[in-house]
Amino acid sequence: MLSLKYFLCLFTAAVLLFNCHSTILVHKEADSPPASLAKDAPDRKFRQASFLFGIYPSGSAAEVSCTNSHPEVRLVTGFLDSVIHFLIGPFYTTKTVEVRCKK
């Protein structure tokens, strides 16, 4: 039988490892694949933080523009974001934002 201590350790490890996900916002054009399918580095990358269940942002909105095309915004919850959310999630949470310009 698995003790409570080992169960909590395994559960915490599973939550931290499998809680990484991303959301992609694309201004879709006809038959163009998302820029995130390419392995290029994002044109702009920053961390966005908020307080109280993500309702109140911790700073002003970042201004990003693509001169030649429409931007693609990818909201990524990585390992560090998951750790912060797991420890102090209701009070403070972060998300990594990656912006790519379609070429």
PDB file of N, CA and C in Angstrom:
ATOM      1  N   MET A   1       0.848  -1.181   0.000  1.00  0.00           N
ATOM      2  CA  MET A   1       0.000   0.000   0.000  1.00  0.00           C
ATOM      3  C   MET A   1       0.890   1.239   0.000  1.00  0.00           C
ATOM      4  N   LEU A   2       0.522   2.184  -0.800  1.00  0.00           N
ATOM      5  CA  LEU A   2       1.279   3.425  -0.931  1.00  0.00           C
ATOM      6  C   LEU A   2       0.938   4.360   0.232  1.00  0.00           C
ATOM      7  N   SER A   3       1.935   4.863   0.895  1.00  0.00           N
ATOM      8  CA  SER A   3       1.672   5.773   2.008  1.00  0.00           C
ATOM      9  C   SER A   3       1.263   7.140   1.472  1.00  0.00           C
ATOM     10  N   LEU A   4       0.682   7.924   2.332  1.00  0.00           N
ATOM     11  CA  LEU A   4       0.199   9.251   1.952  1.00  0.00           C
ATOM     12  C   LEU A   4       1.341  10.149   1.498  1.00  0.00           C
ATOM     13  N   LYS A   5       2.485  10.042   2.138  1.00  0.00           N
ATOM     14  CA  LYS A   5       3.642  10.869   1.780  1.00  0.00           C
ATOM     15  C   LYS A   5       4.109  10.580   0.352  1.00  0.00           C
ATOM     16  N   TYR A   6       4.205   9.307  -0.001  1.00  0.00           N
ATOM     17  CA  TYR A   6       4.638   8.949  -1.350  1.00  0.00           C
ATOM     18  C   TYR A   6       3.586   9.316  -2.392  1.00  0.00           C
ATOM     19  N   PHE A   7       2.315   9.158  -2.026  1.00  0.00           N
ATOM     20  CA  PHE A   7       1.248   9.538  -2.941  1.00  0.00           C
ATOM     21  C   PHE A   7       1.289  11.036  -3.231  1.00  0.00           C
ATOM     22  N   LEU A   8       1.465  11.852  -2.201  1.00  0.00           N
ATOM     23  CA  LEU A   8       1.528  13.302  -2.402  1.00  0.00           C
ATOM     24  C   LEU A   8       2.739  13.700  -3.234  1.00  0.00           C
ATOM     25  N   CYS A   9       3.867  13.035  -3.025  1.00  0.00           N
ATOM     26  CA  CYS A   9       5.061  13.319  -3.832  1.00  0.00           C
ATOM     27  C   CYS A   9       4.825  12.968  -5.294  1.00  0.00           C
ATOM     28  N   LEU A  10       4.242  11.802  -5.549  1.00  0.00           N
ATOM     29  CA  LEU A  10       3.954  11.393  -6.929  1.00  0.00           C
ATOM     30  C   LEU A  10       2.908  12.297  -7.570  1.00  0.00           C
ATOM     31  N   PHE A  11       1.886  12.661  -6.811  1.00  0.00           N
ATOM     32  CA  PHE A  11       0.846  13.536  -7.333  1.00  0.00           C
ATOM     33  C   PHE A  11       1.406  14.915  -7.673  1.00  0.00           C
ATOM     34  N   THR A  12       2.227  15.470  -6.800  1.00  0.00           N
ATOM     35  CA  THR A  12       2.847  16.774  -7.049  1.00  0.00           C
ATOM     36  C   THR A  12       3.741  16.727  -8.277  1.00  0.00           C
ATOM     37  N   ALA A  13       4.531  15.680  -8.407  1.00  0.00           N
ATOM     38  CA  ALA A  13       5.399  15.542  -9.584  1.00  0.00           C
ATOM     39  C   ALA A  13       4.572  15.431 -10.857  1.00  0.00           C
ATOM     40  N   ALA A  14       3.486  14.679 -10.819  1.00  0.00           N
ATOM     41  CA  ALA A  14       2.634  14.528 -12.001  1.00  0.00           C
ATOM     42  C   ALA A  14       1.979  15.850 -12.380  1.00  0.00           C
ATOM     43  N   VAL A  15       1.505  16.593 -11.393  1.00  0.00           N
ATOM     44  CA  VAL A  15       0.875  17.890 -11.674  1.00  0.00           C
ATOM     45  C   VAL A  15       1.880  18.846 -12.301  1.00  0.00           C
ATOM     46  N   LEU A  16       3.083  18.889 -11.763  1.00  0.00           N
ATOM     47  CA  LEU A  16       4.093  19.808 -12.285  1.00  0.00           C
ATOM     48  C   LEU A  16       4.585  19.388 -13.665  1.00  0.00           C
ATOM     49  N   LEU A  17       4.682  18.102 -13.919  1.00  0.00           N
ATOM     50  CA  LEU A  17       5.192  17.639 -15.210  1.00  0.00           C
ATOM     51  C   LEU A  17       4.146  17.699 -16.309  1.00  0.00           C
ATOM     52  N   PHE A  18       2.906  17.396 -15.999  1.00  0.00           N
ATOM     53  CA  PHE A  18       1.884  17.288 -17.034  1.00  0.00           C
ATOM     54  C   PHE A  18       0.969  18.500 -17.111  1.00  0.00           C
ATOM     55  N   ASN A  19       1.252  19.548 -16.367  1.00  0.00           N
ATOM     56  CA  ASN A  19       0.416  20.737 -16.372  1.00  0.00           C
ATOM     57  C   ASN A  19       0.911  21.788 -17.363  1.00  0.00           C
ATOM     58  N   CYS A  20       1.948  21.513 -18.116  1.00  0.00           N
ATOM     59  CA  CYS A  20       2.456  22.467 -19.094  1.00  0.00           C
ATOM     60  C   CYS A  20       1.576  22.412 -20.337  1.00  0.00           C
ATOM     61  N   HIS A  21       1.118  23.561 -20.779  1.00  0.00           N
ATOM     62  CA  HIS A  21       0.271  23.618 -21.964  1.00  0.00           C
ATOM     63  C   HIS A  21       0.417  24.990 -22.611  1.00  0.00           C
ATOM     64  N   SER A  22      -0.138  25.127 -23.794  1.00  0.00           N
ATOM     65  CA  SER A  22      -0.079  26.417 -24.476  1.00  0.00           C
ATOM     66  C   SER A  22      -1.385  26.674 -25.206  1.00  0.00           C
ATOM     67  N   THR A  23      -1.666  27.947 -25.404  1.00  0.00           N
ATOM     68  CA  THR A  23      -2.826  28.399 -26.160  1.00  0.00           C
ATOM     69  C   THR A  23      -2.314  29.299 -27.266  1.00  0.00           C
ATOM     70  N   ILE A  24      -2.742  29.054 -28.508  1.00  0.00           N
ATOM     71  CA  ILE A  24      -2.269  29.835 -29.648  1.00  0.00           C
ATOM     72  C   ILE A  24      -3.420  30.676 -30.183  1.00  0.00           C
ATOM     73  N   LEU A  25      -3.194  31.983 -30.276  1.00  0.00           N
ATOM     74  CA  LEU A  25      -4.166  32.909 -30.851  1.00  0.00           C
ATOM     75  C   LEU A  25      -3.631  33.372 -32.194  1.00  0.00           C
ATOM     76  N   VAL A  26      -4.382  33.100 -33.270  1.00  0.00           N
ATOM     77  CA  VAL A  26      -3.907  33.402 -34.615  1.00  0.00           C
ATOM     78  C   VAL A  26      -4.978  34.184 -35.352  1.00  0.00           C
ATOM     79  N   HIS A  27      -4.550  35.258 -36.016  1.00  0.00           N
ATOM     80  CA  HIS A  27      -5.418  35.934 -36.963  1.00  0.00           C
ATOM     81  C   HIS A  27      -5.315  35.120 -38.245  1.00  0.00           C
ATOM     82  N   LYS A  28      -6.287  34.256 -38.488  1.00  0.00           N
ATOM     83  CA  LYS A  28      -6.176  33.233 -39.531  1.00  0.00           C
ATOM     84  C   LYS A  28      -6.391  33.812 -40.919  1.00  0.00           C
ATOM     85  N   GLU A  29      -5.461  33.476 -41.784  1.00  0.00           N
ATOM     86  CA  GLU A  29      -5.589  33.782 -43.200  1.00  0.00           C
ATOM     87  C   GLU A  29      -5.887  32.483 -43.924  1.00  0.00           C
ATOM     88  N   ALA A  30      -6.327  32.559 -45.154  1.00  0.00           N
ATOM     89  CA  ALA A  30      -6.702  31.367 -45.913  1.00  0.00           C
ATOM     90  C   ALA A  30      -5.506  30.435 -46.102  1.00  0.00           C
ATOM     91  N   ASP A  31      -5.633  29.234 -45.602  1.00  0.00           N
ATOM     92  CA  ASP A  31      -4.664  28.146 -45.800  1.00  0.00           C
ATOM     93  C   ASP A  31      -3.239  28.471 -45.377  1.00  0.00           C
ATOM     94  N   SER A  32      -3.050  29.310 -44.413  1.00  0.00           N
ATOM     95  CA  SER A  32      -1.685  29.553 -43.933  1.00  0.00           C
ATOM     96  C   SER A  32      -1.512  28.852 -42.591  1.00  0.00           C
ATOM     97  N   PRO A  33      -0.466  28.051 -42.439  1.00  0.00           N
ATOM     98  CA  PRO A  33      -0.267  27.350 -41.169  1.00  0.00           C
ATOM     99  C   PRO A  33       0.187  28.320 -40.083  1.00  0.00           C
ATOM    100  N   PRO A  34      -0.050  27.978 -38.840  1.00  0.00           N
ATOM    101  CA  PRO A  34       0.432  28.836 -37.756  1.00  0.00           C
ATOM    102  C   PRO A  34       1.948  28.945 -37.773  1.00  0.00           C
ATOM    103  N   ALA A  35       2.445  30.106 -37.414  1.00  0.00           N
ATOM    104  CA  ALA A  35       3.893  30.320 -37.393  1.00  0.00           C
ATOM    105  C   ALA A  35       4.563  29.484 -36.312  1.00  0.00           C
ATOM    106  N   SER A  36       3.817  29.083 -35.296  1.00  0.00           N
ATOM    107  CA  SER A  36       4.416  28.319 -34.208  1.00  0.00           C
ATOM    108  C   SER A  36       4.787  26.902 -34.626  1.00  0.00           C
ATOM    109  N   LEU A  37       4.339  26.443 -35.790  1.00  0.00           N
ATOM    110  CA  LEU A  37       4.748  25.124 -36.270  1.00  0.00           C
ATOM    111  C   LEU A  37       6.211  25.129 -36.675  1.00  0.00           C
ATOM    112  N   ALA A  38       6.717  26.293 -37.039  1.00  0.00           N
ATOM    113  CA  ALA A  38       8.145  26.420 -37.341  1.00  0.00           C
ATOM    114  C   ALA A  38       8.922  26.428 -36.027  1.00  0.00           C
ATOM    115  N   LYS A  39      10.164  25.999 -36.079  1.00  0.00           N
ATOM    116  CA  LYS A  39      10.978  25.912 -34.864  1.00  0.00           C
ATOM    117  C   LYS A  39      11.790  27.183 -34.608  1.00  0.00           C
ATOM    118  N   ASP A  40      11.462  28.268 -35.272  1.00  0.00           N
ATOM    119  CA  ASP A  40      12.181  29.523 -35.073  1.00  0.00           C
ATOM    120  C   ASP A  40      11.882  30.093 -33.686  1.00  0.00           C
ATOM    121  N   ALA A  41      12.808  30.899 -33.221  1.00  0.00           N
ATOM    122  CA  ALA A  41      12.605  31.582 -31.940  1.00  0.00           C
ATOM    123  C   ALA A  41      11.525  32.653 -32.109  1.00  0.00           C
ATOM    124  N   PRO A  42      10.762  32.934 -31.060  1.00  0.00           N
ATOM    125  CA  PRO A  42       9.739  33.974 -31.174  1.00  0.00           C
ATOM    126  C   PRO A  42      10.370  35.349 -31.364  1.00  0.00           C
ATOM    127  N   ASP A  43       9.634  36.243 -32.029  1.00  0.00           N
ATOM    128  CA  ASP A  43      10.115  37.606 -32.233  1.00  0.00           C
ATOM    129  C   ASP A  43      10.139  38.387 -30.920  1.00  0.00           C
ATOM    130  N   ARG A  44       9.225  38.079 -30.033  1.00  0.00           N
ATOM    131  CA  ARG A  44       9.173  38.740 -28.721  1.00  0.00           C
ATOM    132  C   ARG A  44       8.687  37.730 -27.698  1.00  0.00           C
ATOM    133  N   LYS A  45       9.316  37.699 -26.539  1.00  0.00           N
ATOM    134  CA  LYS A  45       8.944  36.762 -25.477  1.00  0.00           C
ATOM    135  C   LYS A  45       9.016  37.487 -24.140  1.00  0.00           C
ATOM    136  N   PHE A  46       7.952  37.389 -23.356  1.00  0.00           N
ATOM    137  CA  PHE A  46       7.933  38.029 -22.049  1.00  0.00           C
ATOM    138  C   PHE A  46       6.998  37.266 -21.119  1.00  0.00           C
ATOM    139  N   ARG A  47       7.092  37.551 -19.840  1.00  0.00           N
ATOM    140  CA  ARG A  47       6.249  36.904 -18.839  1.00  0.00           C
ATOM    141  C   ARG A  47       5.183  37.893 -18.393  1.00  0.00           C
ATOM    142  N   GLN A  48       3.955  37.415 -18.364  1.00  0.00           N
ATOM    143  CA  GLN A  48       2.813  38.220 -17.958  1.00  0.00           C
ATOM    144  C   GLN A  48       2.322  37.688 -16.610  1.00  0.00           C
ATOM    145  N   ALA A  49       2.129  38.562 -15.658  1.00  0.00           N
ATOM    146  CA  ALA A  49       1.716  38.141 -14.319  1.00  0.00           C
ATOM    147  C   ALA A  49       0.420  38.832 -13.924  1.00  0.00           C
ATOM    148  N   SER A  50      -0.308  38.188 -13.029  1.00  0.00           N
ATOM    149  CA  SER A  50      -1.553  38.771 -12.545  1.00  0.00           C
ATOM    150  C   SER A  50      -1.822  38.301 -11.116  1.00  0.00           C
ATOM    151  N   PHE A  51      -2.722  39.023 -10.460  1.00  0.00           N
ATOM    152  CA  PHE A  51      -3.064  38.751  -9.070  1.00  0.00           C
ATOM    153  C   PHE A  51      -4.500  38.270  -8.954  1.00  0.00           C
ATOM    154  N   LEU A  52      -4.809  37.640  -7.846  1.00  0.00           N
ATOM    155  CA  LEU A  52      -6.161  37.246  -7.451  1.00  0.00           C
ATOM    156  C   LEU A  52      -6.893  36.477  -8.551  1.00  0.00           C
ATOM    157  N   PHE A  53      -6.491  35.227  -8.736  1.00  0.00           N
ATOM    158  CA  PHE A  53      -7.074  34.310  -9.719  1.00  0.00           C
ATOM    159  C   PHE A  53      -6.914  34.802 -11.155  1.00  0.00           C
ATOM    160  N   GLY A  54      -5.913  35.614 -11.427  1.00  0.00           N
ATOM    161  CA  GLY A  54      -5.664  36.099 -12.777  1.00  0.00           C
ATOM    162  C   GLY A  54      -6.553  37.244 -13.210  1.00  0.00           C
ATOM    163  N   ILE A  55      -7.273  37.849 -12.286  1.00  0.00           N
ATOM    164  CA  ILE A  55      -8.221  38.914 -12.631  1.00  0.00           C
ATOM    165  C   ILE A  55      -7.522  40.256 -12.812  1.00  0.00           C
ATOM    166  N   TYR A  56      -6.574  40.572 -11.935  1.00  0.00           N
ATOM    167  CA  TYR A  56      -5.925  41.875 -11.956  1.00  0.00           C
ATOM    168  C   TYR A  56      -4.493  41.750 -12.468  1.00  0.00           C
ATOM    169  N   PRO A  57      -4.170  42.383 -13.607  1.00  0.00           N
ATOM    170  CA  PRO A  57      -2.797  42.298 -14.130  1.00  0.00           C
ATOM    171  C   PRO A  57      -1.818  43.052 -13.235  1.00  0.00           C
ATOM    172  N   SER A  58      -0.572  42.572 -13.209  1.00  0.00           N
ATOM    173  CA  SER A  58       0.436  43.203 -12.354  1.00  0.00           C
ATOM    174  C   SER A  58       1.104  44.398 -13.021  1.00  0.00           C
ATOM    175  N   GLY A  59       0.923  44.579 -14.299  1.00  0.00           N
ATOM    176  CA  GLY A  59       1.525  45.704 -15.008  1.00  0.00           C
ATOM    177  C   GLY A  59       0.678  46.093 -16.203  1.00  0.00           C
ATOM    178  N   SER A  60       1.181  47.037 -16.955  1.00  0.00           N
ATOM    179  CA  SER A  60       0.443  47.465 -18.141  1.00  0.00           C
ATOM    180  C   SER A  60       0.638  46.455 -19.274  1.00  0.00           C
ATOM    181  N   ALA A  61      -0.242  46.491 -20.231  1.00  0.00           N
ATOM    182  CA  ALA A  61      -0.174  45.566 -21.364  1.00  0.00           C
ATOM    183  C   ALA A  61       1.030  45.895 -22.237  1.00  0.00           C
ATOM    184  N   ALA A  62       1.695  44.878 -22.725  1.00  0.00           N
ATOM    185  CA  ALA A  62       2.862  45.070 -23.591  1.00  0.00           C
ATOM    186  C   ALA A  62       2.398  45.392 -25.009  1.00  0.00           C
ATOM    187  N   GLU A  63       3.067  46.339 -25.638  1.00  0.00           N
ATOM    188  CA  GLU A  63       2.755  46.718 -27.014  1.00  0.00           C
ATOM    189  C   GLU A  63       3.666  45.955 -27.968  1.00  0.00           C
ATOM    190  N   VAL A  64       3.084  45.162 -28.841  1.00  0.00           N
ATOM    191  CA  VAL A  64       3.841  44.388 -29.823  1.00  0.00           C
ATOM    192  C   VAL A  64       3.160  44.564 -31.162  1.00  0.00           C
ATOM    193  N   SER A  65       3.948  44.830 -32.205  1.00  0.00           N
ATOM    194  CA  SER A  65       3.364  44.954 -33.538  1.00  0.00           C
ATOM    195  C   SER A  65       4.267  44.282 -34.561  1.00  0.00           C
ATOM    196  N   CYS A  66       3.641  43.757 -35.594  1.00  0.00           N
ATOM    197  CA  CYS A  66       4.358  43.149 -36.711  1.00  0.00           C
ATOM    198  C   CYS A  66       4.148  44.054 -37.920  1.00  0.00           C
ATOM    199  N   THR A  67       5.227  44.516 -38.501  1.00  0.00           N
ATOM    200  CA  THR A  67       5.112  45.487 -39.587  1.00  0.00           C
ATOM    201  C   THR A  67       4.627  44.867 -40.890  1.00  0.00           C
ATOM    202  N   ASN A  68       5.034  43.644 -41.190  1.00  0.00           N
ATOM    203  CA  ASN A  68       4.710  43.054 -42.488  1.00  0.00           C
ATOM    204  C   ASN A  68       3.531  42.099 -42.466  1.00  0.00           C
ATOM    205  N   SER A  69       3.096  41.662 -41.317  1.00  0.00           N
ATOM    206  CA  SER A  69       2.057  40.639 -41.286  1.00  0.00           C
ATOM    207  C   SER A  69       1.278  40.685 -39.981  1.00  0.00           C
ATOM    208  N   HIS A  70       0.401  39.717 -39.833  1.00  0.00           N
ATOM    209  CA  HIS A  70      -0.402  39.605 -38.621  1.00  0.00           C
ATOM    210  C   HIS A  70       0.361  38.814 -37.568  1.00  0.00           C
ATOM    211  N   PRO A  71       0.256  39.207 -36.321  1.00  0.00           N
ATOM    212  CA  PRO A  71       0.984  38.484 -35.270  1.00  0.00           C
ATOM    213  C   PRO A  71       0.264  37.201 -34.857  1.00  0.00           C
ATOM    214  N   GLU A  72       1.036  36.314 -34.290  1.00  0.00           N
ATOM    215  CA  GLU A  72       0.499  35.114 -33.657  1.00  0.00           C
ATOM    216  C   GLU A  72       0.957  35.157 -32.207  1.00  0.00           C
ATOM    217  N   VAL A  73       0.018  35.068 -31.298  1.00  0.00           N
ATOM    218  CA  VAL A  73       0.324  35.144 -29.874  1.00  0.00           C
ATOM    219  C   VAL A  73       0.140  33.754 -29.276  1.00  0.00           C
ATOM    220  N   ARG A  74       1.153  33.308 -28.572  1.00  0.00           N
ATOM    221  CA  ARG A  74       1.101  31.990 -27.939  1.00  0.00           C
ATOM    222  C   ARG A  74       1.277  32.175 -26.439  1.00  0.00           C
ATOM    223  N   LEU A  75       0.279  31.741 -25.662  1.00  0.00           N
ATOM    224  CA  LEU A  75       0.324  31.803 -24.205  1.00  0.00           C
ATOM    225  C   LEU A  75       0.780  30.439 -23.711  1.00  0.00           C
ATOM    226  N   VAL A  76       1.928  30.398 -23.072  1.00  0.00           N
ATOM    227  CA  VAL A  76       2.545  29.136 -22.677  1.00  0.00           C
ATOM    228  C   VAL A  76       2.592  29.041 -21.159  1.00  0.00           C
ATOM    229  N   THR A  77       2.132  27.917 -20.630  1.00  0.00           N
ATOM    230  CA  THR A  77       2.306  27.618 -19.217  1.00  0.00           C
ATOM    231  C   THR A  77       3.419  26.592 -19.130  1.00  0.00           C
ATOM    232  N   GLY A  78       4.604  27.055 -18.773  1.00  0.00           N
ATOM    233  CA  GLY A  78       5.765  26.184 -18.682  1.00  0.00           C
ATOM    234  C   GLY A  78       5.959  25.651 -17.278  1.00  0.00           C
ATOM    235  N   PHE A  79       7.104  25.038 -17.051  1.00  0.00           N
ATOM    236  CA  PHE A  79       7.390  24.416 -15.759  1.00  0.00           C
ATOM    237  C   PHE A  79       7.419  25.441 -14.633  1.00  0.00           C
ATOM    238  N   LEU A  80       8.144  26.546 -14.833  1.00  0.00           N
ATOM    239  CA  LEU A  80       8.227  27.567 -13.787  1.00  0.00           C
ATOM    240  C   LEU A  80       6.859  28.192 -13.522  1.00  0.00           C
ATOM    241  N   ASP A  81       6.085  28.428 -14.576  1.00  0.00           N
ATOM    242  CA  ASP A  81       4.735  28.961 -14.400  1.00  0.00           C
ATOM    243  C   ASP A  81       3.867  27.991 -13.599  1.00  0.00           C
ATOM    244  N   SER A  82       4.027  26.694 -13.847  1.00  0.00           N
ATOM    245  CA  SER A  82       3.260  25.681 -13.113  1.00  0.00           C
ATOM    246  C   SER A  82       3.648  25.642 -11.643  1.00  0.00           C
ATOM    247  N   VAL A  83       4.936  25.778 -11.358  1.00  0.00           N
ATOM    248  CA  VAL A  83       5.391  25.784  -9.962  1.00  0.00           C
ATOM    249  C   VAL A  83       4.801  26.984  -9.227  1.00  0.00           C
ATOM    250  N   ILE A  84       4.858  28.157  -9.841  1.00  0.00           N
ATOM    251  CA  ILE A  84       4.296  29.363  -9.221  1.00  0.00           C
ATOM    252  C   ILE A  84       2.796  29.196  -9.009  1.00  0.00           C
ATOM    253  N   HIS A  85       2.107  28.668 -10.019  1.00  0.00           N
ATOM    254  CA  HIS A  85       0.663  28.479  -9.907  1.00  0.00           C
ATOM    255  C   HIS A  85       0.324  27.457  -8.816  1.00  0.00           C
ATOM    256  N   PHE A  86       1.109  26.402  -8.721  1.00  0.00           N
ATOM    257  CA  PHE A  86       0.854  25.363  -7.717  1.00  0.00           C
ATOM    258  C   PHE A  86       1.067  25.896  -6.299  1.00  0.00           C
ATOM    259  N   LEU A  87       2.095  26.716  -6.105  1.00  0.00           N
ATOM    260  CA  LEU A  87       2.426  27.186  -4.760  1.00  0.00           C
ATOM    261  C   LEU A  87       1.563  28.358  -4.300  1.00  0.00           C
ATOM    262  N   ILE A  88       1.379  29.358  -5.167  1.00  0.00           N
ATOM    263  CA  ILE A  88       0.646  30.566  -4.757  1.00  0.00           C
ATOM    264  C   ILE A  88      -0.373  30.989  -5.811  1.00  0.00           C
ATOM    265  N   GLY A  89      -0.945  30.020  -6.523  1.00  0.00           N
ATOM    266  CA  GLY A  89      -1.843  30.266  -7.646  1.00  0.00           C
ATOM    267  C   GLY A  89      -2.997  31.218  -7.417  1.00  0.00           C
ATOM    268  N   PRO A  90      -3.754  31.095  -6.339  1.00  0.00           N
ATOM    269  CA  PRO A  90      -4.892  32.001  -6.181  1.00  0.00           C
ATOM    270  C   PRO A  90      -4.497  33.467  -5.999  1.00  0.00           C
ATOM    271  N   PHE A  91      -3.279  33.706  -5.519  1.00  0.00           N
ATOM    272  CA  PHE A  91      -2.871  35.074  -5.222  1.00  0.00           C
ATOM    273  C   PHE A  91      -2.021  35.694  -6.324  1.00  0.00           C
ATOM    274  N   TYR A  92      -1.178  34.902  -6.959  1.00  0.00           N
ATOM    275  CA  TYR A  92      -0.264  35.413  -7.987  1.00  0.00           C
ATOM    276  C   TYR A  92      -0.022  34.298  -8.999  1.00  0.00           C
ATOM    277  N   THR A  93      -0.133  34.604 -10.271  1.00  0.00           N
ATOM    278  CA  THR A  93       0.084  33.594 -11.301  1.00  0.00           C
ATOM    279  C   THR A  93       0.801  34.219 -12.494  1.00  0.00           C
ATOM    280  N   THR A  94       1.560  33.417 -13.212  1.00  0.00           N
ATOM    281  CA  THR A  94       2.304  33.913 -14.371  1.00  0.00           C
ATOM    282  C   THR A  94       2.006  33.056 -15.591  1.00  0.00           C
ATOM    283  N   LYS A  95       2.282  33.629 -16.747  1.00  0.00           N
ATOM    284  CA  LYS A  95       2.148  32.941 -18.019  1.00  0.00           C
ATOM    285  C   LYS A  95       3.183  33.541 -18.952  1.00  0.00           C
ATOM    286  N   THR A  96       3.858  32.700 -19.720  1.00  0.00           N
ATOM    287  CA  THR A  96       4.843  33.165 -20.685  1.00  0.00           C
ATOM    288  C   THR A  96       4.128  33.473 -21.995  1.00  0.00           C
ATOM    289  N   VAL A  97       4.415  34.630 -22.574  1.00  0.00           N
ATOM    290  CA  VAL A  97       3.789  35.054 -23.825  1.00  0.00           C
ATOM    291  C   VAL A  97       4.860  35.096 -24.908  1.00  0.00           C
ATOM    292  N   GLU A  98       4.608  34.403 -26.022  1.00  0.00           N
ATOM    293  CA  GLU A  98       5.510  34.409 -27.175  1.00  0.00           C
ATOM    294  C   GLU A  98       4.761  35.001 -28.360  1.00  0.00           C
ATOM    295  N   VAL A  99       5.384  35.957 -29.041  1.00  0.00           N
ATOM    296  CA  VAL A  99       4.774  36.587 -30.210  1.00  0.00           C
ATOM    297  C   VAL A  99       5.639  36.281 -31.420  1.00  0.00           C
ATOM    298  N   ARG A 100       5.003  35.768 -32.468  1.00  0.00           N
ATOM    299  CA  ARG A 100       5.692  35.483 -33.728  1.00  0.00           C
ATOM    300  C   ARG A 100       4.987  36.250 -34.840  1.00  0.00           C
ATOM    301  N   CYS A 101       5.772  36.801 -35.742  1.00  0.00           N
ATOM    302  CA  CYS A 101       5.221  37.478 -36.910  1.00  0.00           C
ATOM    303  C   CYS A 101       5.305  36.518 -38.090  1.00  0.00           C
ATOM    304  N   LYS A 102       4.175  36.305 -38.752  1.00  0.00           N
ATOM    305  CA  LYS A 102       4.176  35.423 -39.924  1.00  0.00           C
ATOM    306  C   LYS A 102       4.992  36.059 -41.021  1.00  0.00           C
ATOM    307  N   LYS A 103       5.760  35.246 -41.692  1.00  0.00           N
ATOM    308  CA  LYS A 103       6.622  35.764 -42.747  1.00  0.00           C
ATOM    309  C   LYS A 103       6.105  35.378 -44.104  1.00  0.00           C
TER     310      LYS A 103
END
